[in-house]
């Protein structure tokens, strides 16, 4: 099985990948395989994982609610009275239903007070049951709620409650001692005509559209070059600030299936909260309380997890006990992982791993 995976990974790397990459697969608490390739890459190479950070950040908020004997049915207004959709629940917020993807005015990512002010000035563009991915505002939304509940931001809670006790090679706010392990990101190669044919990109490049504003309302660390700086690695954004190895990311999802995480909390992360047309991504999506579960090819076996900009991807499948992670530094265009991840998931679906 190792040989088969190594051959497929090498082919994927050769045909679809410049730069470097790692893939890691675990099952029932055991590391089945971890492979890496590319100049300077090893199993310990770290890389920014962008939105693949979101389920880890959501877990912090859900654990804090569980500590208070509450759950995602709690209305956001009970925690944050000035929230512009006070009757939306925490679960609806985490599943992108509160209509605050695009803000009335922009705010810098590193200024949480400014982000809070911009959110409070914005009228929701939709309310449940509609949904639309919150690519940037998810970060300050979760940070503010956790700060109100615990006095800690996500980066602090993650380090104290989850990363350090479990020894995960997955950071939200990377310490300087680990900077030397981070791979530099490489911008995606442009495919002529690709973006002009894609309805999402038509709206993404229209500066007057809500899709454009969803990706640009929060300003900072928006390019591969900016994300390849120590400031970005330290920033600890709950929406996109994670830095991880493939092994650390896959192990995180194994921990979600283990006794370390209360069953109720895992169920909140695993259970779909909304499904249908996504007002931001302009396609069908489905979300749990902080994770993705559609499109189905990315989450086989009823799995849940999250994609990250450029092609990183991770998930677990509770019924089979599997977890999977892929990270890379040569980014690719598109909202969701492309051929590189799809090839590996096809192999995973063949049952090659017992």
Protein backbone atom coordinates (compact mmCIF):
# COMPACT_ATOMS: atom_id res chain seq x y z
CA UNK A 1 0.00 0.00 0.00
CA UNK A 2 2.86 2.40 0.85
CA UNK A 3 4.39 1.68 -2.55
CA UNK A 4 1.10 2.37 -4.35
CA UNK A 5 0.59 5.64 -2.53
CA UNK A 6 4.20 6.67 -3.07
CA UNK A 7 3.83 6.03 -6.79
CA UNK A 8 0.60 8.03 -7.02
CA UNK A 9 2.02 10.87 -4.96
CA UNK A 10 5.12 10.98 -7.16
CA UNK A 11 2.94 11.04 -10.29
CA UNK A 12 0.72 13.75 -8.81
CA UNK A 13 3.82 15.70 -7.86
CA UNK A 14 5.40 15.29 -11.29
CA UNK A 15 2.29 16.13 -13.32
CA UNK A 16 0.52 18.73 -11.22
CA UNK A 17 2.94 20.24 -8.77
CA UNK A 18 5.95 22.49 -8.83
CA UNK A 19 7.39 23.34 -5.47
CA UNK A 20 6.78 20.86 -2.68
CA UNK A 21 3.98 19.00 -0.91
CA UNK A 22 3.14 16.49 1.81
CA UNK A 23 0.23 14.10 2.30
CA UNK A 24 -0.68 12.28 5.52
CA UNK A 25 -3.30 9.61 6.21
CA UNK A 26 -4.30 8.28 9.64
CA UNK A 27 -6.80 5.64 10.75
CA UNK A 28 -8.12 4.78 14.21
CA UNK A 29 -5.36 6.77 15.90
CA UNK A 30 -2.50 5.36 13.84
CA UNK A 31 -0.39 7.13 11.24
CA UNK A 32 -0.81 5.00 8.10
CA UNK A 33 1.48 7.02 5.87
CA UNK A 34 3.06 10.41 5.50
CA UNK A 35 4.84 11.29 2.26
CA UNK A 36 6.62 14.42 1.09
CA UNK A 37 8.33 15.60 -2.06
CA UNK A 38 10.05 18.64 -3.46
CA UNK A 39 13.29 20.48 -2.91
CA UNK A 40 13.86 21.17 0.76
CA UNK A 41 10.65 19.42 1.80
CA UNK A 42 10.33 16.83 4.56
CA UNK A 43 7.55 15.41 6.70
CA UNK A 44 8.23 18.24 9.14
CA UNK A 45 7.83 21.08 6.65
CA UNK A 46 5.25 23.66 7.72
CA UNK A 47 3.17 25.78 5.36
CA UNK A 48 0.30 28.31 5.69
CA UNK A 49 -2.99 26.44 5.24
CA UNK A 50 -5.33 29.42 4.81
CA UNK A 51 -9.00 28.48 5.40
CA UNK A 52 -8.17 24.94 6.45
CA UNK A 53 -7.66 26.77 9.76
CA UNK A 54 -11.40 27.38 10.21
CA UNK A 55 -12.50 24.04 11.80
CA UNK A 56 -9.75 24.34 14.41
CA UNK A 57 -10.88 27.86 15.28
CA UNK A 58 -14.50 26.74 15.42
CA UNK A 59 -13.50 23.92 17.76
CA UNK A 60 -12.10 26.48 20.20
CA UNK A 61 -15.42 28.34 20.32
CA UNK A 62 -17.46 25.14 20.58
CA UNK A 63 -15.31 23.85 23.44
CA UNK A 64 -15.75 27.17 25.25
CA UNK A 65 -19.53 26.86 24.87
CA UNK A 66 -19.38 23.28 26.15
CA UNK A 67 -17.39 24.47 29.17
CA UNK A 68 -20.32 26.80 29.94
CA UNK A 69 -22.84 23.96 29.52
CA UNK A 70 -24.17 25.69 26.42
CA UNK A 71 -24.23 24.74 22.76
CA UNK A 72 -24.41 26.24 19.27
CA UNK A 73 -28.13 26.93 19.70
CA UNK A 74 -27.19 29.93 21.89
CA UNK A 75 -28.10 33.23 20.21
CA UNK A 76 -25.12 35.41 19.35
CA UNK A 77 -26.84 38.45 20.89
CA UNK A 78 -26.65 36.77 24.29
CA UNK A 79 -22.84 36.90 24.04
CA UNK A 80 -22.38 39.99 21.89
CA UNK A 81 -25.35 42.38 22.35
CA UNK A 82 -24.32 44.78 19.56
CA UNK A 83 -24.10 41.99 16.96
CA UNK A 84 -26.20 43.10 13.95
CA UNK A 85 -28.07 39.78 13.70
CA UNK A 86 -28.62 39.12 17.42
CA UNK A 87 -31.09 36.26 16.98
CA UNK A 88 -28.76 34.22 14.79
CA UNK A 89 -27.34 31.31 16.75
CA UNK A 90 -23.67 30.52 17.15
CA UNK A 91 -24.25 27.48 14.97
CA UNK A 92 -25.70 29.65 12.21
CA UNK A 93 -22.76 32.03 12.47
CA UNK A 94 -20.25 29.16 12.23
CA UNK A 95 -22.10 27.77 9.20
CA UNK A 96 -21.96 31.08 7.31
CA UNK A 97 -25.66 31.95 7.60
CA UNK A 98 -25.50 35.36 9.32
CA UNK A 99 -25.01 37.43 6.14
CA UNK A 100 -21.91 39.33 7.26
CA UNK A 101 -19.40 38.09 4.69
CA UNK A 102 -19.06 41.58 3.17
CA UNK A 103 -18.76 44.55 5.53
CA UNK A 104 -20.00 48.11 5.14
CA UNK A 105 -16.43 49.37 5.55
CA UNK A 106 -13.04 47.70 5.46
CA UNK A 107 -10.89 46.97 8.49
CA UNK A 108 -7.33 45.68 8.99
CA UNK A 109 -7.06 42.03 9.95
CA UNK A 110 -4.68 42.76 12.82
CA UNK A 111 -7.00 45.35 14.46
CA UNK A 112 -9.77 43.35 16.16
CA UNK A 113 -11.41 46.49 17.56
CA UNK A 114 -11.69 47.97 14.06
CA UNK A 115 -13.06 44.68 12.73
CA UNK A 116 -15.63 44.62 15.51
CA UNK A 117 -16.70 48.18 14.74
CA UNK A 118 -17.07 47.41 11.03
CA UNK A 119 -19.13 44.30 11.76
CA UNK A 120 -21.45 46.18 14.11
CA UNK A 121 -22.06 48.84 11.41
CA UNK A 122 -23.06 46.24 8.77
CA UNK A 123 -26.61 45.11 8.07
CA UNK A 124 -26.82 41.40 7.22
CA UNK A 125 -27.08 40.73 3.48
CA UNK A 126 -29.14 37.60 4.24
CA UNK A 127 -30.43 35.60 7.18
CA UNK A 128 -30.95 31.87 7.71
CA UNK A 129 -31.69 29.61 5.95
CA UNK A 130 -29.63 31.33 3.24
CA UNK A 131 -25.88 30.99 3.51
CA UNK A 132 -22.73 32.31 1.90
CA UNK A 133 -19.14 31.58 2.78
CA UNK A 134 -17.49 34.17 5.07
CA UNK A 135 -13.85 33.82 3.90
CA UNK A 136 -12.41 36.71 5.93
CA UNK A 137 -14.95 37.88 8.50
CA UNK A 138 -15.17 34.38 9.99
CA UNK A 139 -11.93 35.23 11.78
CA UNK A 140 -12.97 38.28 13.80
CA UNK A 141 -16.47 36.84 14.34
CA UNK A 142 -15.04 33.79 16.11
CA UNK A 143 -12.29 35.75 17.86
CA UNK A 144 -14.77 38.26 19.34
CA UNK A 145 -17.18 35.58 20.57
CA UNK A 146 -14.38 33.57 22.19
CA UNK A 147 -12.96 36.72 23.77
CA UNK A 148 -16.36 37.53 25.24
CA UNK A 149 -16.75 34.00 26.62
CA UNK A 150 -13.24 33.32 27.92
CA UNK A 151 -11.12 36.47 27.82
CA UNK A 152 -8.86 34.68 25.33
CA UNK A 153 -8.51 34.96 21.59
CA UNK A 154 -8.46 31.86 19.40
CA UNK A 155 -4.65 31.71 19.15
CA UNK A 156 -4.30 31.62 22.95
CA UNK A 157 -7.13 29.14 23.53
CA UNK A 158 -5.86 26.86 20.75
CA UNK A 159 -2.36 26.78 22.19
CA UNK A 160 -3.41 26.16 25.79
CA UNK A 161 -6.36 23.81 25.37
CA UNK A 162 -5.64 21.89 22.18
CA UNK A 163 -2.30 22.21 20.39
CA UNK A 164 0.09 21.94 23.32
CA UNK A 165 -1.73 19.15 25.24
CA UNK A 166 -1.99 17.06 22.06
CA UNK A 167 1.46 17.94 20.73
CA UNK A 168 0.07 18.90 17.32
CA UNK A 169 2.34 20.25 14.60
CA UNK A 170 -0.41 22.74 13.75
CA UNK A 171 -0.15 26.33 14.94
CA UNK A 172 -2.49 29.30 14.99
CA UNK A 173 0.10 31.94 15.74
CA UNK A 174 3.49 30.42 14.94
CA UNK A 175 6.32 30.93 17.46
CA UNK A 176 9.60 32.28 16.12
CA UNK A 177 11.37 29.02 17.03
CA UNK A 178 9.48 27.30 14.18
CA UNK A 179 9.97 29.93 11.45
CA UNK A 180 12.85 27.99 9.88
CA UNK A 181 10.51 25.10 8.95
CA UNK A 182 8.03 27.15 6.89
CA UNK A 183 8.00 26.70 3.11
CA UNK A 184 7.72 29.86 1.03
CA UNK A 185 4.49 30.04 -0.95
CA UNK A 186 4.56 30.28 -4.73
CA UNK A 187 1.81 32.10 -6.66
CA UNK A 188 -0.47 30.03 -8.89
CA UNK A 189 0.22 29.79 -12.59
CA UNK A 190 -2.36 31.66 -14.63
CA UNK A 191 -4.31 29.64 -17.17
CA UNK A 192 -5.34 31.91 -20.08
CA UNK A 193 -9.09 32.38 -20.24
CA UNK A 194 -9.77 30.34 -17.09
CA UNK A 195 -11.01 33.19 -14.92
CA UNK A 196 -13.04 34.87 -17.67
CA UNK A 197 -15.15 31.71 -18.04
CA UNK A 198 -15.81 31.23 -14.34
CA UNK A 199 -18.91 32.99 -12.95
CA UNK A 200 -17.35 33.23 -9.50
CA UNK A 201 -14.27 35.03 -10.82
CA UNK A 202 -16.39 37.44 -12.85
CA UNK A 203 -17.94 38.62 -9.58
CA UNK A 204 -14.69 38.28 -7.63
CA UNK A 205 -13.03 40.86 -9.88
CA UNK A 206 -16.05 43.18 -9.91
CA UNK A 207 -15.14 45.67 -7.19
CA UNK A 208 -18.79 46.59 -6.72
CA UNK A 209 -19.98 43.05 -6.04
CA UNK A 210 -20.68 41.47 -2.68
CA UNK A 211 -18.40 38.57 -3.67
CA UNK A 212 -15.46 40.95 -4.12
CA UNK A 213 -16.19 42.63 -0.80
CA UNK A 214 -16.46 39.27 0.99
CA UNK A 215 -12.82 38.63 0.12
CA UNK A 216 -11.58 42.19 0.63
CA UNK A 217 -13.51 43.70 3.56
CA UNK A 218 -10.82 42.50 5.94
CA UNK A 219 -7.50 43.87 4.73
CA UNK A 220 -4.13 42.19 5.20
CA UNK A 221 -2.13 39.13 4.16
CA UNK A 222 -4.07 38.68 0.96
CA UNK A 223 -1.33 37.43 -1.38
CA UNK A 224 1.13 34.49 -1.36
CA UNK A 225 3.98 36.98 -0.88
CA UNK A 226 2.29 38.56 2.16
CA UNK A 227 1.48 35.13 3.60
CA UNK A 228 5.16 34.16 3.30
CA UNK A 229 6.24 36.59 6.02
CA UNK A 230 6.83 36.11 9.75
CA UNK A 231 4.11 38.69 10.45
CA UNK A 232 1.54 36.50 8.68
CA UNK A 233 2.73 33.35 10.44
CA UNK A 234 2.44 35.10 13.81
CA UNK A 235 -0.92 36.78 13.14
CA UNK A 236 -3.08 33.90 14.40
CA UNK A 237 -6.10 34.74 12.24
CA UNK A 238 -8.88 32.23 13.01
CA UNK A 239 -9.98 32.41 9.36
CA UNK A 240 -6.70 31.77 7.58
CA UNK A 241 -3.71 32.06 9.91
CA UNK A 242 -2.95 28.38 10.54
CA UNK A 243 0.50 27.00 9.79
CA UNK A 244 0.83 23.22 9.81
CA UNK A 245 2.53 20.13 8.49
CA UNK A 246 0.40 17.53 6.73
CA UNK A 247 1.06 15.17 9.63
CA UNK A 248 -0.06 17.73 12.21
CA UNK A 249 -3.21 18.58 10.27
CA UNK A 250 -4.21 14.93 9.78
CA UNK A 251 -3.49 14.18 13.43
CA UNK A 252 -5.77 17.06 14.46
CA UNK A 253 -8.66 15.36 12.67
CA UNK A 254 -7.81 12.06 14.35
CA UNK A 255 -8.12 13.83 17.69
CA UNK A 256 -11.62 14.94 16.73
CA UNK A 257 -12.54 11.24 16.48
CA UNK A 258 -10.96 10.34 19.83
CA UNK A 259 -12.09 10.72 23.43
CA UNK A 260 -10.08 13.91 23.91
CA UNK A 261 -12.93 15.86 22.29
CA UNK A 262 -16.38 15.60 23.94
CA UNK A 263 -18.79 13.66 21.76
CA UNK A 264 -21.26 16.55 21.67
CA UNK A 265 -18.58 18.92 20.36
CA UNK A 266 -17.48 16.51 17.65
CA UNK A 267 -21.12 16.09 16.62
CA UNK A 268 -21.49 19.87 16.31
CA UNK A 269 -18.49 19.93 13.98
CA UNK A 270 -19.72 16.92 11.99
CA UNK A 271 -23.44 17.64 11.53
CA UNK A 272 -24.57 19.72 8.53
CA UNK A 273 -26.30 22.98 9.44
CA UNK A 274 -27.02 24.32 5.96
CA UNK A 275 -26.93 23.15 2.37
CA UNK A 276 -27.70 24.80 -0.95
CA UNK A 277 -26.66 27.75 -3.08
CA UNK A 278 -23.70 29.65 -1.63
CA UNK A 279 -24.11 33.42 -2.07
CA UNK A 280 -20.34 33.92 -1.96
CA UNK A 281 -18.80 30.92 -3.71
CA UNK A 282 -21.56 30.87 -6.35
CA UNK A 283 -22.05 27.10 -6.21
CA UNK A 284 -23.68 24.45 -4.02
CA UNK A 285 -22.00 24.06 -0.63
CA UNK A 286 -22.87 22.64 2.78
CA UNK A 287 -21.42 23.56 6.17
CA UNK A 288 -21.41 22.24 9.71
CA UNK A 289 -20.57 24.39 12.74
CA UNK A 290 -17.24 25.47 11.30
CA UNK A 291 -16.45 22.81 8.69
CA UNK A 292 -17.32 22.00 5.08
CA UNK A 293 -19.08 18.79 4.01
CA UNK A 294 -19.73 19.51 0.32
CA UNK A 295 -18.85 19.02 -2.49
CA UNK A 296 -19.00 15.32 -1.77
CA UNK A 297 -15.88 14.33 -3.72
CA UNK A 298 -13.76 16.29 -1.24
CA UNK A 299 -15.34 14.64 1.81
CA UNK A 300 -15.82 10.94 1.03
CA UNK A 301 -17.59 8.65 3.45
CA UNK A 302 -19.67 11.40 5.00
CA UNK A 303 -16.57 13.27 6.06
CA UNK A 304 -16.14 16.86 7.19
CA UNK A 305 -13.15 19.18 7.06
CA UNK A 306 -12.04 22.20 5.07
CA UNK A 307 -10.22 23.33 1.97
CA UNK A 308 -7.65 26.11 2.01
CA UNK A 309 -6.76 28.67 -0.65
CA UNK A 310 -4.33 27.34 -3.19
CA UNK A 311 -5.14 23.66 -2.74
CA UNK A 312 -4.51 22.55 0.84
CA UNK A 313 -7.17 20.18 2.15
CA UNK A 314 -7.95 18.11 5.25
CA UNK A 315 -10.86 16.09 6.59
CA UNK A 316 -11.92 13.08 8.63
CA UNK A 317 -14.57 10.44 8.01
CA UNK A 318 -16.07 9.30 11.34
CA UNK A 319 -17.58 6.07 9.97
CA UNK A 320 -14.21 4.76 8.76
CA UNK A 321 -11.94 6.42 11.31
CA UNK A 322 -9.84 7.97 8.53
CA UNK A 323 -8.26 11.38 8.42
CA UNK A 324 -6.42 12.96 5.52
CA UNK A 325 -4.34 16.09 4.94
CA UNK A 326 -2.54 17.56 1.95
CA UNK A 327 -0.42 20.71 2.07
CA UNK A 328 1.75 22.36 -0.56
CA UNK A 329 3.51 25.62 -1.38
CA UNK A 330 2.84 25.93 -5.13
CA UNK A 331 -0.68 27.34 -5.07
CA UNK A 332 -3.32 26.70 -7.72
CA UNK A 333 -6.31 28.70 -8.92
CA UNK A 334 -9.83 27.85 -7.84
CA UNK A 335 -12.11 27.92 -4.82
CA UNK A 336 -11.56 24.25 -4.02
CA UNK A 337 -8.65 21.82 -4.39
CA UNK A 338 -8.09 20.59 -7.92
CA UNK A 339 -6.46 17.66 -9.70
CA UNK A 340 -3.67 17.11 -7.15
CA UNK A 341 -6.02 16.41 -4.26
CA UNK A 342 -8.63 14.70 -6.42
CA UNK A 343 -6.09 12.09 -7.58
CA UNK A 344 -5.15 11.28 -4.00
CA UNK A 345 -8.76 11.11 -2.82
CA UNK A 346 -9.58 8.73 -5.67
CA UNK A 347 -6.85 6.44 -4.40
CA UNK A 348 -8.18 6.77 -0.86
CA UNK A 349 -11.64 5.73 -2.08
CA UNK A 350 -10.35 2.51 -3.68
CA UNK A 351 -9.92 0.95 -0.25
CA UNK A 352 -6.16 0.68 -0.60
CA UNK A 353 -5.88 1.53 3.10
CA UNK A 354 -7.18 -1.30 5.28
